[in-house]
Amino acid sequence: MILLSKLIDSVFRTESKFNLEYTLFSGQSFVWSEAPDTKKYFMGIIGNTLLVLHETEPGTILVSCTAETINGLSINEFLTWYFSLDIDVNTVFSKQFMSEFNDVWKLTEPFTGVRIMRQDPFEIMVTFMCAQGIGMHLIRRQVSMIGERYGEMLVLDTENGKMVFHSFPSPSVLASANPDELARCSNNNRTRAANIIAMARAFESGEPAFACVGSGACPLETLRETLCKHNGIGLKIADCIALFGLGRFDAFPIDTHVKQYLWEWFGIEAARHCLTKKNY
């Protein structure tokens, strides 16, 4: 059990277009939750640090944190990095795109405040291995159960009593998990649990970890091949790990829905056919 320090309050401001709620609950992260009985206050654990965020108006976020720094960065520096606010959204959608695909742009523009989150790669590996074929509510439940069963207990003393949180477990903890017990946290899917344990053991031994450390210097195909060696990780999950866990903005996760719109909106011929490893 770890006793958390008292919350330190601050204000984070950004001139970048940013929608906090849409970003946190857009399906790229499953470890954030809304504070009980408190509207639009969002809680997340980064390592062993508790963050509480509340967007008071566009570009202004009230921050309560149990540490003064995260990953060696000040809170403002960390949030700018974590939410990719250092990237100008105007460089993502060119004027040519807006003109050539105007109907698509009209649908897209209201959501340009959704930012890609730079998250822990191991956490992303496990959460997206849990995400196969189920809805986001159930994914969040699985991830929460994994934290409660295998993560560190974090306790915060407040005026209203103790609040209990759990960190995300380390690779070494999941590497030694019993598959039958982990299956209870993964929708009673023993195969999924065994795949997560095998991946955690591989991560602990070095290969996926080394691939993550050097991910910025290697081609995306090489990174995909390294990740896809592990049962439970296919091309889409590999791209999710690359994009959401490693900041590889050249990764583009494709599922059947994305494939459908690639054809309907952009007329990409390959997207007319069934999604296979060959045409991915």
Protein backbone atom coordinates (compact mmCIF):
# COMPACT_ATOMS: atom_id res chain seq x y z
CA MET A 1 0.00 0.00 0.00
CA ILE A 2 1.23 3.50 -0.87
CA LEU A 3 -0.03 6.59 0.96
CA LEU A 4 -0.48 9.41 -1.52
CA SER A 5 0.59 12.96 -0.77
CA LYS A 6 -2.07 15.64 -0.47
CA LEU A 7 -3.43 17.02 -3.70
CA ILE A 8 -1.64 20.05 -5.10
CA ASP A 9 -3.90 22.38 -7.10
CA SER A 10 -2.89 24.32 -10.18
CA VAL A 11 -4.34 25.67 -13.42
CA PHE A 12 -3.28 24.38 -16.84
CA ARG A 13 -3.92 26.58 -19.86
CA THR A 14 -3.40 25.86 -23.52
CA GLU A 15 -4.07 27.82 -26.67
CA SER A 16 -4.38 24.58 -28.64
CA LYS A 17 -7.84 23.31 -29.54
CA PHE A 18 -8.55 20.65 -26.94
CA ASN A 19 -11.60 18.81 -25.59
CA LEU A 20 -10.63 16.96 -22.41
CA GLU A 21 -13.69 14.73 -22.02
CA TYR A 22 -13.82 13.70 -25.68
CA THR A 23 -10.11 12.86 -25.56
CA LEU A 24 -10.19 10.79 -22.36
CA PHE A 25 -13.20 8.73 -23.45
CA SER A 26 -12.56 8.40 -27.18
CA GLY A 27 -11.48 4.75 -26.94
CA GLN A 28 -7.72 5.25 -26.81
CA SER A 29 -7.46 5.00 -23.01
CA PHE A 30 -9.38 2.89 -20.50
CA VAL A 31 -7.84 3.97 -17.19
CA TRP A 32 -9.61 7.32 -16.67
CA SER A 33 -12.90 7.66 -14.83
CA GLU A 34 -15.32 10.37 -13.77
CA ALA A 35 -15.17 11.26 -10.09
CA PRO A 36 -18.27 9.99 -8.24
CA ASP A 37 -20.93 12.59 -7.47
CA THR A 38 -18.80 15.30 -9.07
CA LYS A 39 -19.70 16.44 -12.56
CA LYS A 40 -16.93 16.49 -15.15
CA TYR A 41 -14.03 15.85 -12.77
CA PHE A 42 -11.87 13.11 -14.28
CA MET A 43 -9.43 10.93 -12.33
CA GLY A 44 -6.47 8.97 -13.63
CA ILE A 45 -3.42 7.21 -12.22
CA ILE A 46 -0.10 7.84 -13.99
CA GLY A 47 2.45 5.50 -12.46
CA ASN A 48 1.74 6.01 -8.75
CA THR A 49 0.49 9.58 -9.16
CA LEU A 50 -3.17 10.62 -8.98
CA LEU A 51 -4.37 13.31 -11.37
CA VAL A 52 -7.78 14.98 -11.16
CA LEU A 53 -8.70 17.18 -14.14
CA HIS A 54 -11.65 19.53 -14.62
CA GLU A 55 -12.13 21.62 -17.75
CA THR A 56 -13.72 24.91 -16.66
CA GLU A 57 -13.74 26.43 -20.13
CA PRO A 58 -12.02 25.71 -23.46
CA GLY A 59 -8.29 25.87 -22.90
CA THR A 60 -8.45 26.03 -19.09
CA ILE A 61 -8.18 22.96 -16.86
CA LEU A 62 -8.11 22.82 -13.08
CA VAL A 63 -5.50 20.25 -12.05
CA SER A 64 -5.17 18.46 -8.71
CA CYS A 65 -2.15 16.18 -8.46
CA THR A 66 -0.40 14.19 -5.72
CA ALA A 67 3.06 15.08 -7.09
CA GLU A 68 4.78 18.20 -8.35
CA THR A 69 6.30 16.38 -11.32
CA ILE A 70 5.46 13.34 -13.45
CA ASN A 71 8.16 11.45 -15.34
CA GLY A 72 10.57 14.26 -14.53
CA LEU A 73 8.33 16.91 -16.10
CA SER A 74 6.40 19.72 -14.44
CA ILE A 75 2.64 19.15 -14.48
CA ASN A 76 2.17 21.68 -17.29
CA GLU A 77 4.97 20.11 -19.33
CA PHE A 78 3.61 16.63 -18.72
CA LEU A 79 0.04 17.48 -19.73
CA THR A 80 1.27 19.23 -22.88
CA TRP A 81 3.22 16.10 -23.81
CA TYR A 82 0.61 13.57 -22.62
CA PHE A 83 -2.19 15.12 -24.67
CA SER A 84 0.04 15.92 -27.67
CA LEU A 85 -0.74 19.61 -27.34
CA ASP A 86 2.67 20.35 -28.82
CA ILE A 87 1.25 19.33 -32.21
CA ASP A 88 -0.60 21.96 -34.23
CA VAL A 89 -3.91 20.47 -35.38
CA ASN A 90 -3.71 22.74 -38.44
CA THR A 91 -0.80 20.64 -39.70
CA VAL A 92 -2.96 17.52 -39.56
CA PHE A 93 -5.73 18.72 -41.86
CA SER A 94 -4.47 20.69 -44.83
CA LYS A 95 -6.50 23.20 -46.80
CA GLN A 96 -6.35 20.76 -49.72
CA PHE A 97 -7.99 18.07 -47.56
CA MET A 98 -10.69 20.47 -46.38
CA SER A 99 -11.44 21.44 -49.98
CA GLU A 100 -11.22 18.03 -51.64
CA PHE A 101 -13.15 16.19 -48.89
CA ASN A 102 -15.38 18.99 -47.68
CA ASP A 103 -18.22 16.73 -46.54
CA VAL A 104 -15.80 14.66 -44.47
CA TRP A 105 -14.23 17.82 -43.04
CA LYS A 106 -17.66 19.08 -41.90
CA LEU A 107 -18.06 15.84 -39.90
CA THR A 108 -14.49 15.97 -38.59
CA GLU A 109 -14.09 19.62 -37.62
CA PRO A 110 -16.21 19.50 -34.42
CA PHE A 111 -13.91 16.78 -33.08
CA THR A 112 -10.52 18.32 -33.82
CA GLY A 113 -10.23 18.96 -30.07
CA VAL A 114 -9.72 15.21 -29.60
CA ARG A 115 -5.99 14.69 -29.13
CA ILE A 116 -3.83 11.57 -29.35
CA MET A 117 -2.65 10.60 -25.86
CA ARG A 118 0.96 9.51 -25.26
CA GLN A 119 0.56 6.66 -22.79
CA ASP A 120 2.65 3.92 -21.21
CA PRO A 121 3.37 1.28 -23.89
CA PHE A 122 3.01 -1.75 -21.59
CA GLU A 123 -0.29 -0.45 -20.25
CA ILE A 124 -1.51 0.04 -23.82
CA MET A 125 -0.41 -3.46 -24.80
CA VAL A 126 -2.44 -5.04 -22.03
CA THR A 127 -5.51 -2.82 -22.36
CA PHE A 128 -5.81 -3.33 -26.11
CA MET A 129 -5.24 -7.07 -25.78
CA CYS A 130 -8.27 -6.90 -23.45
CA ALA A 131 -10.22 -4.86 -25.99
CA GLN A 132 -10.74 -7.49 -28.68
CA GLY A 133 -14.36 -7.92 -29.70
CA ILE A 134 -16.02 -6.17 -26.74
CA GLY A 135 -17.45 -2.73 -25.96
CA MET A 136 -15.67 0.09 -24.15
CA HIS A 137 -17.66 -0.26 -20.92
CA LEU A 138 -16.56 -3.88 -20.55
CA ILE A 139 -12.97 -3.02 -21.50
CA ARG A 140 -12.88 -0.41 -18.73
CA ARG A 141 -14.25 -2.96 -16.29
CA GLN A 142 -11.55 -5.49 -17.25
CA VAL A 143 -8.76 -2.92 -16.94
CA SER A 144 -10.13 -1.77 -13.56
CA MET A 145 -10.22 -5.37 -12.29
CA ILE A 146 -6.63 -5.97 -13.43
CA GLY A 147 -5.52 -2.89 -11.49
CA GLU A 148 -7.48 -3.89 -8.38
CA ARG A 149 -6.13 -7.45 -8.45
CA TYR A 150 -2.52 -6.86 -9.47
CA GLY A 151 -1.69 -3.15 -9.07
CA GLU A 152 -0.37 -1.25 -6.06
CA MET A 153 -3.03 0.04 -3.67
CA LEU A 154 -2.85 3.84 -3.46
CA VAL A 155 -4.61 5.55 -0.54
CA LEU A 156 -5.47 9.25 -0.35
CA ASP A 157 -6.66 10.76 2.93
CA THR A 158 -9.38 13.39 2.43
CA GLU A 159 -11.72 15.34 4.69
CA ASN A 160 -14.44 12.88 3.75
CA GLY A 161 -12.38 9.78 4.45
CA LYS A 162 -9.95 7.59 2.57
CA MET A 163 -10.06 7.20 -1.21
CA VAL A 164 -8.51 4.04 -2.65
CA PHE A 165 -7.00 3.75 -6.13
CA HIS A 166 -4.81 1.20 -7.87
CA SER A 167 -1.84 1.65 -10.15
CA PHE A 168 -1.49 -0.38 -13.33
CA PRO A 169 0.55 -3.55 -12.65
CA SER A 170 4.15 -3.86 -13.79
CA PRO A 171 5.28 -6.42 -16.40
CA SER A 172 6.92 -8.54 -13.66
CA VAL A 173 3.67 -8.80 -11.69
CA LEU A 174 1.58 -9.88 -14.69
CA ALA A 175 4.38 -12.18 -15.87
CA SER A 176 3.93 -14.22 -12.69
CA ALA A 177 0.13 -14.17 -12.72
CA ASN A 178 -1.91 -17.36 -12.71
CA PRO A 179 -3.88 -17.62 -15.99
CA ASP A 180 -7.02 -18.88 -14.26
CA GLU A 181 -6.99 -15.93 -11.85
CA LEU A 182 -6.17 -13.37 -14.56
CA ALA A 183 -8.99 -14.83 -16.70
CA ARG A 184 -11.47 -13.55 -14.08
CA CYS A 185 -10.24 -10.04 -14.97
CA SER A 186 -10.36 -10.63 -18.73
CA ASN A 187 -13.98 -11.55 -19.36
CA ASN A 188 -13.35 -15.16 -18.24
CA ASN A 189 -11.20 -15.65 -21.33
CA ARG A 190 -8.32 -17.94 -20.33
CA THR A 191 -6.68 -17.72 -23.76
CA ARG A 192 -6.61 -13.93 -23.51
CA ALA A 193 -5.18 -14.16 -19.99
CA ALA A 194 -2.48 -16.61 -21.13
CA ASN A 195 -1.58 -14.28 -24.03
CA ILE A 196 -1.23 -11.30 -21.67
CA ILE A 197 1.00 -13.30 -19.31
CA ALA A 198 3.20 -14.50 -22.18
CA MET A 199 3.50 -10.96 -23.51
CA ALA A 200 4.38 -9.65 -20.02
CA ARG A 201 7.10 -12.28 -19.70
CA ALA A 202 8.48 -11.34 -23.11
CA PHE A 203 8.33 -7.65 -22.20
CA GLU A 204 10.16 -8.31 -18.95
CA SER A 205 12.83 -10.31 -20.76
CA GLY A 206 13.49 -7.43 -23.12
CA GLU A 207 12.43 -7.89 -26.76
CA PRO A 208 9.19 -5.86 -26.84
CA ALA A 209 10.64 -3.39 -24.34
CA PHE A 210 13.70 -2.83 -26.50
CA ALA A 211 11.44 -2.41 -29.54
CA CYS A 212 9.48 0.24 -27.64
CA VAL A 213 12.61 2.07 -26.51
CA GLY A 214 13.91 2.19 -30.09
CA SER A 215 10.51 2.61 -31.74
CA GLY A 216 11.20 6.12 -32.92
CA ALA A 217 14.21 4.99 -34.92
CA CYS A 218 12.81 1.86 -36.58
CA PRO A 219 10.39 1.53 -39.51
CA LEU A 220 6.75 1.01 -38.58
CA GLU A 221 6.75 -2.36 -40.36
CA THR A 222 9.63 -3.58 -38.16
CA LEU A 223 7.81 -2.43 -35.03
CA ARG A 224 4.61 -4.17 -36.15
CA GLU A 225 6.48 -7.42 -36.87
CA THR A 226 8.07 -7.38 -33.42
CA LEU A 227 4.73 -6.82 -31.68
CA CYS A 228 2.79 -9.29 -33.83
CA LYS A 229 5.09 -12.15 -32.84
CA HIS A 230 3.03 -12.38 -29.68
CA ASN A 231 -0.30 -14.22 -29.59
CA GLY A 232 -3.14 -11.79 -29.02
CA ILE A 233 -1.50 -8.95 -30.94
CA GLY A 234 -2.52 -8.50 -34.57
CA LEU A 235 -1.89 -5.64 -36.95
CA LYS A 236 -4.64 -3.40 -35.59
CA ILE A 237 -3.54 -3.81 -31.96
CA ALA A 238 0.09 -3.33 -33.00
CA ASP A 239 -0.90 -0.03 -34.62
CA CYS A 240 -2.86 0.97 -31.49
CA ILE A 241 0.22 0.27 -29.37
CA ALA A 242 2.39 2.24 -31.78
CA LEU A 243 0.00 5.21 -31.94
CA PHE A 244 -1.29 5.49 -28.37
CA GLY A 245 1.68 4.02 -26.49
CA LEU A 246 4.69 5.03 -28.54
CA GLY A 247 3.67 8.29 -30.18
CA ARG A 248 4.05 6.86 -33.68
CA PHE A 249 1.77 9.18 -35.61
CA ASP A 250 2.49 7.22 -38.80
CA ALA A 251 0.46 4.31 -37.37
CA PHE A 252 -3.16 4.04 -38.53
CA PRO A 253 -5.26 1.35 -36.78
CA ILE A 254 -7.83 -0.16 -39.14
CA ASP A 255 -10.86 -2.21 -38.14
CA THR A 256 -13.96 -3.07 -40.17
CA HIS A 257 -15.59 0.31 -39.42
CA VAL A 258 -12.51 2.29 -40.44
CA LYS A 259 -12.23 0.16 -43.58
CA GLN A 260 -15.86 0.91 -44.41
CA TYR A 261 -15.31 4.67 -44.25
CA LEU A 262 -12.04 4.50 -46.19
CA TRP A 263 -14.14 3.21 -49.06
CA GLU A 264 -17.28 5.31 -48.56
CA TRP A 265 -15.49 8.62 -47.92
CA PHE A 266 -12.28 8.30 -49.90
CA GLY A 267 -12.98 5.63 -52.52
CA ILE A 268 -9.93 3.52 -51.58
CA GLU A 269 -10.38 0.42 -53.72
CA ALA A 270 -8.68 -2.03 -51.36
CA ALA A 271 -11.17 -1.06 -48.66
CA ARG A 272 -14.01 -2.60 -50.68
CA HIS A 273 -12.73 -6.06 -49.82
CA CYS A 274 -12.70 -8.04 -46.57
CA LEU A 275 -10.03 -6.92 -44.12
CA THR A 276 -7.17 -9.42 -44.19
CA LYS A 277 -3.53 -9.45 -43.13
CA LYS A 278 -2.58 -9.13 -46.78
CA ASN A 279 -4.57 -5.96 -47.57
CA TYR A 280 -4.29 -4.34 -44.09
